[in-house]
Amino acid sequence: MPLHAPPAPAPALRSVLAALGSPTAVRGARIPPALRAARGTLKPELPLPVHVLTAIAGSGPSPRTRLTGWRFLLRGSGAAVGTAETTCTADGWVFSQFGEGPYVASTENALRRAESLTASYQPRLLSVPELYMLTLWLHADTEADAAAGVLAPADLLVPLSPAPPGIAPDRQHRVDGLLPLLIHRVTAPLLRTPA
């Protein structure tokens, strides 16, 4: 198996299980309809560390990432129907929110395709907030600490669908090929002078 997923911190998993076990948490008004309508027990699977790309528009060091949480796909009735996210606070890992939408299926499909690669990778999620973009980050160092956030030129990024216009979704891009495009897309509006 080419994907070497790091285990989620035990407190992160416990916080998701506690939220799933809470009737008010899983049936409340702010819960996505797909999760409220799910039959049977929802099971958290495929935890992925979520990193945010930072310093992309700065003139300082090259873009970095920072770990912001863990996202679990929630499986119910044989299909992924949503996500559960955790975040790290001063008190440790806590449940953050449930989610749904196109990134659920897109993440699952990207992971399935990554399984067929010949090289081994550590799967992560990388968010680019300035572009409203989420990617599957296939980190080449399978033994790396999941909290470490150094993008290596040979790492692969798979923009999840829907991707921003002009960026091909659901295709593998080397970091050294896609990162310059992302930087340009973020910094180009900053470089335009007002008329």
N, C-alpha and C. Protein backbone atom coordinates (compact mmCIF):
# COMPACT_ATOMS: atom_id res chain seq x y z
N MET A 1 0.85 -1.18 0.00
CA MET A 1 0.00 0.00 0.00
C MET A 1 0.89 1.24 0.00
N PRO A 2 0.77 2.10 -1.02
CA PRO A 2 1.67 3.25 -1.11
C PRO A 2 1.34 4.38 -0.14
N LEU A 3 0.15 4.40 0.47
CA LEU A 3 -0.19 5.46 1.40
C LEU A 3 0.10 5.01 2.83
N HIS A 4 0.87 5.84 3.53
CA HIS A 4 1.22 5.57 4.92
C HIS A 4 0.61 6.68 5.77
N ALA A 5 -0.65 6.50 6.10
CA ALA A 5 -1.36 7.54 6.86
C ALA A 5 -0.93 7.52 8.31
N PRO A 6 -0.55 8.66 8.86
CA PRO A 6 -0.20 8.71 10.27
C PRO A 6 -1.47 8.58 11.11
N PRO A 7 -1.37 7.97 12.27
CA PRO A 7 -2.56 7.89 13.12
C PRO A 7 -2.91 9.26 13.69
N ALA A 8 -4.18 9.50 13.82
CA ALA A 8 -4.63 10.76 14.44
C ALA A 8 -4.32 10.70 15.92
N PRO A 9 -4.09 11.84 16.55
CA PRO A 9 -3.91 11.85 18.00
C PRO A 9 -5.13 11.24 18.68
N ALA A 10 -4.91 10.40 19.67
CA ALA A 10 -6.02 9.72 20.36
C ALA A 10 -7.06 10.72 20.89
N PRO A 11 -6.65 11.86 21.47
CA PRO A 11 -7.68 12.81 21.93
C PRO A 11 -8.54 13.37 20.80
N ALA A 12 -7.97 13.50 19.60
CA ALA A 12 -8.76 13.98 18.46
C ALA A 12 -9.84 12.97 18.11
N LEU A 13 -9.46 11.69 18.04
CA LEU A 13 -10.44 10.65 17.75
C LEU A 13 -11.49 10.57 18.85
N ARG A 14 -11.07 10.65 20.11
CA ARG A 14 -12.04 10.60 21.21
C ARG A 14 -13.03 11.76 21.14
N SER A 15 -12.56 12.95 20.75
CA SER A 15 -13.47 14.09 20.67
C SER A 15 -14.50 13.89 19.56
N VAL A 16 -14.10 13.28 18.45
CA VAL A 16 -15.05 13.00 17.37
C VAL A 16 -16.05 11.94 17.82
N LEU A 17 -15.57 10.89 18.46
CA LEU A 17 -16.48 9.85 18.94
C LEU A 17 -17.46 10.40 19.97
N ALA A 18 -16.99 11.29 20.83
CA ALA A 18 -17.89 11.90 21.82
C ALA A 18 -18.95 12.74 21.13
N ALA A 19 -18.55 13.50 20.10
CA ALA A 19 -19.53 14.32 19.36
C ALA A 19 -20.54 13.43 18.64
N LEU A 20 -20.07 12.33 18.06
CA LEU A 20 -20.99 11.42 17.38
C LEU A 20 -21.95 10.75 18.36
N GLY A 21 -21.51 10.56 19.60
CA GLY A 21 -22.34 9.93 20.62
C GLY A 21 -23.29 10.88 21.30
N SER A 22 -23.18 12.16 21.01
CA SER A 22 -24.03 13.16 21.64
C SER A 22 -25.26 13.41 20.77
N PRO A 23 -26.47 13.11 21.28
CA PRO A 23 -27.67 13.35 20.46
C PRO A 23 -27.82 14.80 20.03
N THR A 24 -27.45 15.73 20.86
CA THR A 24 -27.58 17.14 20.46
C THR A 24 -26.55 17.52 19.42
N ALA A 25 -25.37 16.91 19.47
CA ALA A 25 -24.33 17.26 18.50
C ALA A 25 -24.68 16.75 17.11
N VAL A 26 -25.24 15.54 16.99
CA VAL A 26 -25.49 14.97 15.67
C VAL A 26 -26.90 15.22 15.16
N ARG A 27 -27.77 15.80 15.95
CA ARG A 27 -29.13 16.08 15.48
C ARG A 27 -29.48 17.56 15.57
N GLY A 28 -28.51 18.38 15.92
CA GLY A 28 -28.76 19.82 16.08
C GLY A 28 -29.04 20.51 14.77
N ALA A 29 -29.49 21.73 14.86
CA ALA A 29 -29.87 22.51 13.68
C ALA A 29 -28.67 22.84 12.79
N ARG A 30 -27.48 22.91 13.35
CA ARG A 30 -26.31 23.29 12.56
C ARG A 30 -25.62 22.10 11.92
N ILE A 31 -26.25 20.93 12.00
CA ILE A 31 -25.67 19.72 11.44
C ILE A 31 -26.06 19.61 9.97
N PRO A 32 -25.11 19.29 9.08
CA PRO A 32 -25.44 19.14 7.67
C PRO A 32 -26.53 18.09 7.46
N PRO A 33 -27.45 18.35 6.52
CA PRO A 33 -28.56 17.42 6.28
C PRO A 33 -28.13 15.99 5.99
N ALA A 34 -27.04 15.81 5.25
CA ALA A 34 -26.59 14.45 4.92
C ALA A 34 -26.26 13.65 6.18
N LEU A 35 -25.72 14.31 7.18
CA LEU A 35 -25.40 13.60 8.43
C LEU A 35 -26.65 13.32 9.24
N ARG A 36 -27.58 14.27 9.26
CA ARG A 36 -28.83 14.05 10.00
C ARG A 36 -29.63 12.92 9.39
N ALA A 37 -29.56 12.78 8.06
CA ALA A 37 -30.34 11.77 7.35
C ALA A 37 -29.65 10.41 7.31
N ALA A 38 -28.40 10.33 7.71
CA ALA A 38 -27.65 9.07 7.62
C ALA A 38 -28.29 8.00 8.49
N ARG A 39 -28.39 6.81 7.94
CA ARG A 39 -28.95 5.67 8.66
C ARG A 39 -27.84 4.94 9.40
N GLY A 40 -28.14 4.43 10.56
CA GLY A 40 -27.18 3.65 11.31
C GLY A 40 -26.13 4.51 11.98
N THR A 41 -25.08 3.86 12.39
CA THR A 41 -24.01 4.52 13.12
C THR A 41 -23.01 5.12 12.15
N LEU A 42 -22.60 6.35 12.41
CA LEU A 42 -21.55 6.98 11.62
C LEU A 42 -20.21 6.58 12.21
N LYS A 43 -19.30 6.18 11.33
CA LYS A 43 -17.99 5.71 11.77
C LYS A 43 -16.91 6.63 11.22
N PRO A 44 -16.05 7.21 12.11
CA PRO A 44 -14.96 8.05 11.60
C PRO A 44 -13.84 7.18 11.02
N GLU A 45 -13.41 7.53 9.82
CA GLU A 45 -12.35 6.78 9.12
C GLU A 45 -11.40 7.75 8.44
N LEU A 46 -10.29 7.22 7.98
CA LEU A 46 -9.32 7.95 7.17
C LEU A 46 -8.97 9.33 7.73
N PRO A 47 -8.46 9.38 8.95
CA PRO A 47 -8.08 10.69 9.49
C PRO A 47 -6.90 11.26 8.72
N LEU A 48 -7.01 12.54 8.40
CA LEU A 48 -5.94 13.22 7.68
C LEU A 48 -5.59 14.52 8.40
N PRO A 49 -4.29 14.78 8.58
CA PRO A 49 -3.92 16.07 9.16
C PRO A 49 -4.24 17.18 8.16
N VAL A 50 -4.78 18.27 8.66
CA VAL A 50 -5.13 19.41 7.81
C VAL A 50 -4.12 20.51 8.06
N HIS A 51 -3.43 20.91 6.99
CA HIS A 51 -2.46 21.99 7.03
C HIS A 51 -2.99 23.16 6.24
N VAL A 52 -2.62 24.37 6.63
CA VAL A 52 -2.98 25.58 5.90
C VAL A 52 -1.70 26.17 5.33
N LEU A 53 -1.74 26.53 4.05
CA LEU A 53 -0.60 27.17 3.41
C LEU A 53 -0.53 28.61 3.89
N THR A 54 0.61 29.00 4.45
CA THR A 54 0.77 30.34 5.01
C THR A 54 1.92 31.05 4.32
N ALA A 55 1.98 32.35 4.50
CA ALA A 55 3.05 33.20 3.96
C ALA A 55 3.16 33.08 2.45
N ILE A 56 2.04 32.76 1.79
CA ILE A 56 2.09 32.59 0.33
C ILE A 56 2.25 33.92 -0.39
N ALA A 57 1.71 34.99 0.18
CA ALA A 57 1.76 36.28 -0.51
C ALA A 57 2.85 37.19 0.04
N GLY A 58 3.59 36.71 1.00
CA GLY A 58 4.62 37.56 1.60
C GLY A 58 5.88 37.63 0.77
N SER A 59 6.73 38.57 1.11
CA SER A 59 7.99 38.72 0.40
C SER A 59 9.11 38.02 1.15
N GLY A 60 8.77 37.40 2.27
CA GLY A 60 9.77 36.73 3.10
C GLY A 60 10.06 35.33 2.61
N PRO A 61 10.17 34.40 3.55
CA PRO A 61 10.53 33.03 3.19
C PRO A 61 9.45 32.39 2.32
N SER A 62 9.83 31.28 1.70
CA SER A 62 8.88 30.58 0.83
C SER A 62 7.68 30.11 1.65
N PRO A 63 6.58 29.83 0.97
CA PRO A 63 5.37 29.42 1.68
C PRO A 63 5.64 28.26 2.63
N ARG A 64 4.95 28.34 3.76
CA ARG A 64 5.05 27.29 4.77
C ARG A 64 3.65 26.78 5.04
N THR A 65 3.57 25.73 5.81
CA THR A 65 2.28 25.23 6.23
C THR A 65 2.28 25.12 7.74
N ARG A 66 1.04 25.09 8.28
CA ARG A 66 0.92 24.82 9.71
C ARG A 66 -0.27 23.91 9.91
N LEU A 67 -0.11 22.99 10.83
CA LEU A 67 -1.17 22.05 11.15
C LEU A 67 -2.28 22.80 11.87
N THR A 68 -3.52 22.64 11.39
CA THR A 68 -4.66 23.31 12.03
C THR A 68 -5.66 22.32 12.61
N GLY A 69 -5.57 21.06 12.22
CA GLY A 69 -6.53 20.09 12.75
C GLY A 69 -6.41 18.74 12.07
N TRP A 70 -7.38 17.91 12.38
CA TRP A 70 -7.51 16.58 11.76
C TRP A 70 -8.92 16.47 11.23
N ARG A 71 -9.06 15.92 10.02
CA ARG A 71 -10.37 15.69 9.41
C ARG A 71 -10.57 14.19 9.23
N PHE A 72 -11.72 13.72 9.68
CA PHE A 72 -12.11 12.32 9.54
C PHE A 72 -13.25 12.24 8.55
N LEU A 73 -13.20 11.27 7.63
CA LEU A 73 -14.37 11.00 6.80
C LEU A 73 -15.34 10.19 7.65
N LEU A 74 -16.62 10.51 7.57
CA LEU A 74 -17.64 9.78 8.32
C LEU A 74 -18.36 8.85 7.36
N ARG A 75 -18.32 7.56 7.70
CA ARG A 75 -18.94 6.55 6.86
C ARG A 75 -20.24 6.10 7.51
N GLY A 76 -21.27 6.04 6.70
CA GLY A 76 -22.56 5.55 7.14
C GLY A 76 -23.23 4.82 5.99
N SER A 77 -23.78 3.66 6.25
CA SER A 77 -24.44 2.85 5.20
C SER A 77 -23.51 2.58 4.03
N GLY A 78 -22.22 2.34 4.29
CA GLY A 78 -21.27 1.95 3.26
C GLY A 78 -20.67 3.08 2.44
N ALA A 79 -21.08 4.33 2.68
CA ALA A 79 -20.54 5.44 1.90
C ALA A 79 -20.10 6.56 2.83
N ALA A 80 -19.12 7.35 2.36
CA ALA A 80 -18.72 8.54 3.11
C ALA A 80 -19.82 9.57 2.93
N VAL A 81 -20.37 10.06 4.05
CA VAL A 81 -21.50 10.99 3.99
C VAL A 81 -21.16 12.37 4.54
N GLY A 82 -19.97 12.51 5.13
CA GLY A 82 -19.59 13.79 5.70
C GLY A 82 -18.23 13.72 6.33
N THR A 83 -17.90 14.77 7.07
CA THR A 83 -16.62 14.85 7.76
C THR A 83 -16.83 15.31 9.19
N ALA A 84 -15.86 15.00 10.01
CA ALA A 84 -15.79 15.53 11.37
C ALA A 84 -14.39 16.11 11.52
N GLU A 85 -14.31 17.32 12.06
CA GLU A 85 -13.03 17.99 12.19
C GLU A 85 -12.72 18.29 13.64
N THR A 86 -11.43 18.24 13.93
CA THR A 86 -10.95 18.61 15.26
C THR A 86 -9.94 19.74 15.09
N THR A 87 -9.72 20.43 16.18
CA THR A 87 -8.73 21.50 16.19
C THR A 87 -7.97 21.41 17.51
N CYS A 88 -6.77 21.96 17.52
CA CYS A 88 -5.96 21.93 18.72
C CYS A 88 -6.13 23.26 19.46
N THR A 89 -6.45 23.16 20.74
CA THR A 89 -6.58 24.34 21.59
C THR A 89 -5.53 24.25 22.69
N ALA A 90 -5.52 25.22 23.57
CA ALA A 90 -4.60 25.19 24.70
C ALA A 90 -4.86 23.97 25.59
N ASP A 91 -6.09 23.46 25.55
CA ASP A 91 -6.45 22.28 26.35
C ASP A 91 -6.27 20.98 25.60
N GLY A 92 -5.78 21.02 24.37
CA GLY A 92 -5.59 19.80 23.59
C GLY A 92 -6.56 19.73 22.42
N TRP A 93 -6.67 18.55 21.84
CA TRP A 93 -7.51 18.34 20.66
C TRP A 93 -8.97 18.31 21.06
N VAL A 94 -9.80 19.10 20.34
CA VAL A 94 -11.23 19.15 20.60
C VAL A 94 -11.99 19.07 19.28
N PHE A 95 -13.22 18.56 19.37
CA PHE A 95 -14.11 18.51 18.21
C PHE A 95 -14.40 19.94 17.75
N SER A 96 -14.41 20.14 16.44
CA SER A 96 -14.65 21.47 15.88
C SER A 96 -16.00 21.54 15.16
N GLN A 97 -16.19 20.68 14.15
CA GLN A 97 -17.42 20.77 13.36
C GLN A 97 -17.62 19.53 12.50
N PHE A 98 -18.88 19.35 12.09
CA PHE A 98 -19.22 18.36 11.08
C PHE A 98 -19.31 19.10 9.75
N GLY A 99 -19.07 18.38 8.66
CA GLY A 99 -19.15 19.00 7.35
C GLY A 99 -19.68 18.03 6.31
N GLU A 100 -20.06 18.59 5.17
CA GLU A 100 -20.50 17.80 4.03
C GLU A 100 -20.14 18.57 2.77
N GLY A 101 -20.51 18.06 1.62
CA GLY A 101 -20.26 18.77 0.37
C GLY A 101 -19.38 17.98 -0.57
N PRO A 102 -18.99 18.63 -1.68
CA PRO A 102 -18.26 17.91 -2.72
C PRO A 102 -16.88 17.43 -2.31
N TYR A 103 -16.26 18.08 -1.31
CA TYR A 103 -14.92 17.64 -0.90
C TYR A 103 -14.93 16.26 -0.26
N VAL A 104 -16.07 15.80 0.24
CA VAL A 104 -16.14 14.47 0.86
C VAL A 104 -15.84 13.40 -0.19
N ALA A 105 -16.61 13.39 -1.26
CA ALA A 105 -16.40 12.40 -2.33
C ALA A 105 -15.08 12.64 -3.04
N SER A 106 -14.71 13.90 -3.25
CA SER A 106 -13.47 14.22 -3.94
C SER A 106 -12.26 13.71 -3.15
N THR A 107 -12.29 13.86 -1.82
CA THR A 107 -11.19 13.35 -0.98
C THR A 107 -11.11 11.84 -1.08
N GLU A 108 -12.25 11.19 -0.95
CA GLU A 108 -12.28 9.73 -1.01
C GLU A 108 -11.77 9.22 -2.36
N ASN A 109 -12.19 9.87 -3.45
CA ASN A 109 -11.74 9.46 -4.79
C ASN A 109 -10.24 9.70 -4.97
N ALA A 110 -9.75 10.84 -4.49
CA ALA A 110 -8.32 11.14 -4.63
C ALA A 110 -7.48 10.14 -3.84
N LEU A 111 -7.94 9.77 -2.66
CA LEU A 111 -7.21 8.76 -1.87
C LEU A 111 -7.20 7.41 -2.59
N ARG A 112 -8.31 7.04 -3.17
CA ARG A 112 -8.40 5.77 -3.89
C ARG A 112 -7.43 5.75 -5.07
N ARG A 113 -7.38 6.87 -5.83
CA ARG A 113 -6.45 6.93 -6.96
C ARG A 113 -5.00 6.92 -6.49
N ALA A 114 -4.72 7.57 -5.36
CA ALA A 114 -3.35 7.61 -4.85
C ALA A 114 -2.86 6.23 -4.44
N GLU A 115 -3.78 5.36 -4.07
CA GLU A 115 -3.41 3.98 -3.71
C GLU A 115 -2.75 3.24 -4.87
N SER A 116 -3.03 3.66 -6.10
CA SER A 116 -2.48 2.95 -7.26
C SER A 116 -1.11 3.48 -7.69
N LEU A 117 -0.61 4.50 -7.02
CA LEU A 117 0.72 5.03 -7.36
C LEU A 117 1.80 4.03 -6.99
N THR A 118 2.92 4.10 -7.68
CA THR A 118 4.01 3.17 -7.39
C THR A 118 4.86 3.65 -6.22
N ALA A 119 4.97 4.96 -6.03
CA ALA A 119 5.75 5.49 -4.91
C ALA A 119 4.87 5.55 -3.66
N SER A 120 5.52 5.59 -2.49
CA SER A 120 4.81 5.68 -1.22
C SER A 120 4.70 7.14 -0.79
N TYR A 121 3.57 7.48 -0.17
CA TYR A 121 3.33 8.84 0.28
C TYR A 121 2.60 8.84 1.62
N GLN A 122 2.75 9.96 2.33
CA GLN A 122 1.97 10.20 3.54
C GLN A 122 0.85 11.18 3.14
N PRO A 123 -0.44 10.75 3.22
CA PRO A 123 -1.52 11.65 2.81
C PRO A 123 -1.84 12.70 3.87
N ARG A 124 -2.09 13.90 3.40
CA ARG A 124 -2.47 15.03 4.23
C ARG A 124 -3.45 15.88 3.43
N LEU A 125 -4.07 16.83 4.07
CA LEU A 125 -4.87 17.82 3.36
C LEU A 125 -4.16 19.16 3.49
N LEU A 126 -4.18 19.93 2.41
CA LEU A 126 -3.57 21.26 2.40
C LEU A 126 -4.61 22.25 1.92
N SER A 127 -4.90 23.22 2.76
CA SER A 127 -5.87 24.26 2.44
C SER A 127 -5.14 25.53 2.00
N VAL A 128 -5.67 26.16 0.95
CA VAL A 128 -5.17 27.44 0.48
C VAL A 128 -6.34 28.42 0.61
N PRO A 129 -6.50 29.03 1.78
CA PRO A 129 -7.69 29.85 2.03
C PRO A 129 -7.87 31.00 1.05
N GLU A 130 -6.79 31.62 0.60
CA GLU A 130 -6.91 32.76 -0.32
C GLU A 130 -7.57 32.38 -1.63
N LEU A 131 -7.50 31.10 -2.00
CA LEU A 131 -8.09 30.63 -3.25
C LEU A 131 -9.33 29.76 -3.03
N TYR A 132 -9.75 29.64 -1.77
CA TYR A 132 -10.86 28.74 -1.43
C TYR A 132 -10.60 27.36 -2.02
N MET A 133 -9.43 26.83 -1.73
CA MET A 133 -8.95 25.61 -2.37
C MET A 133 -8.50 24.61 -1.32
N LEU A 134 -8.82 23.34 -1.58
CA LEU A 134 -8.37 22.24 -0.74
C LEU A 134 -7.71 21.21 -1.62
N THR A 135 -6.55 20.72 -1.19
CA THR A 135 -5.83 19.71 -1.96
C THR A 135 -5.50 18.52 -1.09
N LEU A 136 -5.38 17.36 -1.73
CA LEU A 136 -4.78 16.21 -1.08
C LEU A 136 -3.28 16.38 -1.29
N TRP A 137 -2.55 16.43 -0.19
CA TRP A 137 -1.09 16.61 -0.23
C TRP A 137 -0.47 15.25 0.00
N LEU A 138 0.23 14.75 -1.00
CA LEU A 138 0.92 13.47 -0.90
C LEU A 138 2.39 13.76 -0.61
N HIS A 139 2.73 13.65 0.67
CA HIS A 139 4.07 14.00 1.15
C HIS A 139 4.99 12.80 0.94
N ALA A 140 6.13 13.03 0.31
CA ALA A 140 7.04 11.94 -0.05
C ALA A 140 7.73 11.31 1.15
N ASP A 141 7.89 12.04 2.25
CA ASP A 141 8.53 11.50 3.46
C ASP A 141 7.47 10.80 4.31
N THR A 142 7.35 9.50 4.14
CA THR A 142 6.29 8.74 4.82
C THR A 142 6.52 8.63 6.33
N GLU A 143 7.72 8.92 6.79
CA GLU A 143 8.02 8.83 8.23
C GLU A 143 7.96 10.18 8.92
N ALA A 144 7.63 11.23 8.19
CA ALA A 144 7.61 12.58 8.75
C ALA A 144 6.54 12.71 9.83
N ASP A 145 6.80 13.59 10.77
CA ASP A 145 5.81 13.94 11.78
C ASP A 145 4.65 14.62 11.05
N ALA A 146 3.43 14.17 11.31
CA ALA A 146 2.25 14.72 10.62
C ALA A 146 2.08 16.21 10.89
N ALA A 147 2.64 16.71 11.99
CA ALA A 147 2.52 18.13 12.32
C ALA A 147 3.54 18.97 11.57
N ALA A 148 4.62 18.35 11.06
CA ALA A 148 5.65 19.09 10.33
C ALA A 148 5.08 19.51 8.98
N GLY A 149 5.37 20.72 8.57
CA GLY A 149 4.73 21.24 7.38
C GLY A 149 5.64 21.77 6.31
N VAL A 150 6.60 20.99 5.89
CA VAL A 150 7.51 21.45 4.85
C VAL A 150 7.10 20.81 3.52
N LEU A 151 6.77 21.67 2.55
CA LEU A 151 6.45 21.18 1.22
C LEU A 151 7.75 20.85 0.49
N ALA A 152 7.88 19.62 0.03
CA ALA A 152 9.06 19.21 -0.72
C ALA A 152 8.75 19.29 -2.21
N PRO A 153 9.73 19.67 -3.04
CA PRO A 153 9.47 19.82 -4.48
C PRO A 153 8.88 18.57 -5.13
N ALA A 154 9.23 17.38 -4.64
CA ALA A 154 8.73 16.15 -5.25
C ALA A 154 7.39 15.69 -4.69
N ASP A 155 6.88 16.38 -3.67
CA ASP A 155 5.55 16.04 -3.15
C ASP A 155 4.52 16.28 -4.25
N LEU A 156 3.39 15.59 -4.12
CA LEU A 156 2.30 15.77 -5.07
C LEU A 156 1.13 16.48 -4.40
N LEU A 157 0.48 17.35 -5.15
CA LEU A 157 -0.75 18.00 -4.71
C LEU A 157 -1.86 17.63 -5.69
N VAL A 158 -2.99 17.24 -5.13
CA VAL A 158 -4.15 16.89 -5.95
C VAL A 158 -5.26 17.86 -5.59
N PRO A 159 -5.49 18.92 -6.39
CA PRO A 159 -6.58 19.85 -6.09
C PRO A 159 -7.91 19.09 -6.08
N LEU A 160 -8.64 19.24 -4.98
CA LEU A 160 -9.92 18.55 -4.88
C LEU A 160 -10.98 19.36 -5.60
N SER A 161 -11.95 18.66 -6.12
CA SER A 161 -13.03 19.28 -6.87
C SER A 161 -14.12 19.74 -5.91
N PRO A 162 -14.57 20.98 -6.04
CA PRO A 162 -14.28 21.95 -7.09
C PRO A 162 -13.00 22.73 -6.80
N ALA A 163 -12.22 22.93 -7.84
CA ALA A 163 -10.98 23.70 -7.74
C ALA A 163 -11.21 25.08 -8.34
N PRO A 164 -10.36 26.04 -8.00
CA PRO A 164 -10.51 27.38 -8.59
C PRO A 164 -10.36 27.32 -10.12
N PRO A 165 -10.98 28.25 -10.83
CA PRO A 165 -10.84 28.29 -12.29
C PRO A 165 -9.37 28.32 -12.70
N GLY A 166 -9.05 27.55 -13.73
CA GLY A 166 -7.69 27.52 -14.24
C GLY A 166 -6.78 26.52 -13.55
N ILE A 167 -7.28 25.84 -12.53
CA ILE A 167 -6.48 24.81 -11.85
C ILE A 167 -7.20 23.48 -12.03
N ALA A 168 -6.53 22.54 -12.68
CA ALA A 168 -7.15 21.25 -13.00
C ALA A 168 -7.39 20.46 -11.72
N PRO A 169 -8.66 20.14 -11.43
CA PRO A 169 -8.95 19.35 -10.24
C PRO A 169 -8.70 17.86 -10.49
N ASP A 170 -8.56 17.13 -9.40
CA ASP A 170 -8.47 15.67 -9.45
C ASP A 170 -7.30 15.16 -10.28
N ARG A 171 -6.27 15.98 -10.45
CA ARG A 171 -5.05 15.57 -11.15
C ARG A 171 -3.87 15.79 -10.23
N GLN A 172 -2.88 14.94 -10.34
CA GLN A 172 -1.68 15.06 -9.51
C GLN A 172 -0.73 16.08 -10.14
N HIS A 173 -0.28 17.00 -9.30
CA HIS A 173 0.69 18.02 -9.72
C HIS A 173 1.86 17.97 -8.75
N ARG A 174 3.07 18.03 -9.27
CA ARG A 174 4.22 18.16 -8.38
C ARG A 174 4.17 19.53 -7.72
N VAL A 175 4.60 19.60 -6.47
CA VAL A 175 4.60 20.87 -5.74
C VAL A 175 5.38 21.92 -6.50
N ASP A 176 6.55 21.55 -7.03
CA ASP A 176 7.37 22.56 -7.72
C ASP A 176 6.74 23.02 -9.03
N GLY A 177 5.69 22.34 -9.50
CA GLY A 177 4.97 22.80 -10.68
C GLY A 177 3.73 23.61 -10.34
N LEU A 178 3.00 23.20 -9.28
CA LEU A 178 1.75 23.87 -8.93
C LEU A 178 1.95 25.06 -8.01
N LEU A 179 2.93 25.01 -7.13
CA LEU A 179 3.11 26.09 -6.15
C LEU A 179 3.35 27.45 -6.80
N PRO A 180 4.18 27.55 -7.86
CA PRO A 180 4.35 28.87 -8.49
C PRO A 180 3.02 29.42 -9.04
N LEU A 181 2.16 28.56 -9.56
CA LEU A 181 0.86 29.00 -10.06
C LEU A 181 0.00 29.52 -8.91
N LEU A 182 0.00 28.81 -7.79
CA LEU A 182 -0.78 29.25 -6.62
C LEU A 182 -0.27 30.60 -6.11
N ILE A 183 1.04 30.74 -6.03
CA ILE A 183 1.62 32.00 -5.56
C ILE A 183 1.23 33.14 -6.49
N HIS A 184 1.31 32.88 -7.80
CA HIS A 184 0.94 33.91 -8.78
C HIS A 184 -0.54 34.28 -8.63
N ARG A 185 -1.40 33.28 -8.47
CA ARG A 185 -2.84 33.55 -8.35
C ARG A 185 -3.16 34.37 -7.11
N VAL A 186 -2.41 34.16 -6.04
CA VAL A 186 -2.66 34.91 -4.80
C VAL A 186 -2.04 36.31 -4.87
N THR A 187 -0.83 36.41 -5.41
CA THR A 187 -0.13 37.69 -5.39
C THR A 187 -0.48 38.61 -6.54
N ALA A 188 -0.98 38.10 -7.66
CA ALA A 188 -1.29 38.96 -8.82
C ALA A 188 -2.24 40.10 -8.46
N PRO A 189 -3.34 39.87 -7.73
CA PRO A 189 -4.21 41.00 -7.37
C PRO A 189 -3.51 42.03 -6.48
N LEU A 190 -2.53 41.59 -5.72
CA LEU A 190 -1.82 42.51 -4.84
C LEU A 190 -0.87 43.41 -5.62
N LEU A 191 -0.42 42.94 -6.79
CA LEU A 191 0.56 43.69 -7.57
C LEU A 191 -0.09 44.69 -8.51
N ARG A 192 -1.39 44.53 -8.76
CA ARG A 192 -2.08 45.47 -9.67
C ARG A 192 -2.18 46.83 -9.00
N THR A 193 -1.94 47.85 -9.79
CA THR A 193 -2.06 49.22 -9.25
C THR A 193 -3.48 49.72 -9.55
N PRO A 194 -4.03 50.50 -8.62
CA PRO A 194 -5.38 51.04 -8.87
C PRO A 194 -5.36 52.02 -10.05
N ALA A 195 -6.45 52.04 -10.78
CA ALA A 195 -6.55 52.93 -11.96
C ALA A 195 -6.88 54.35 -11.55
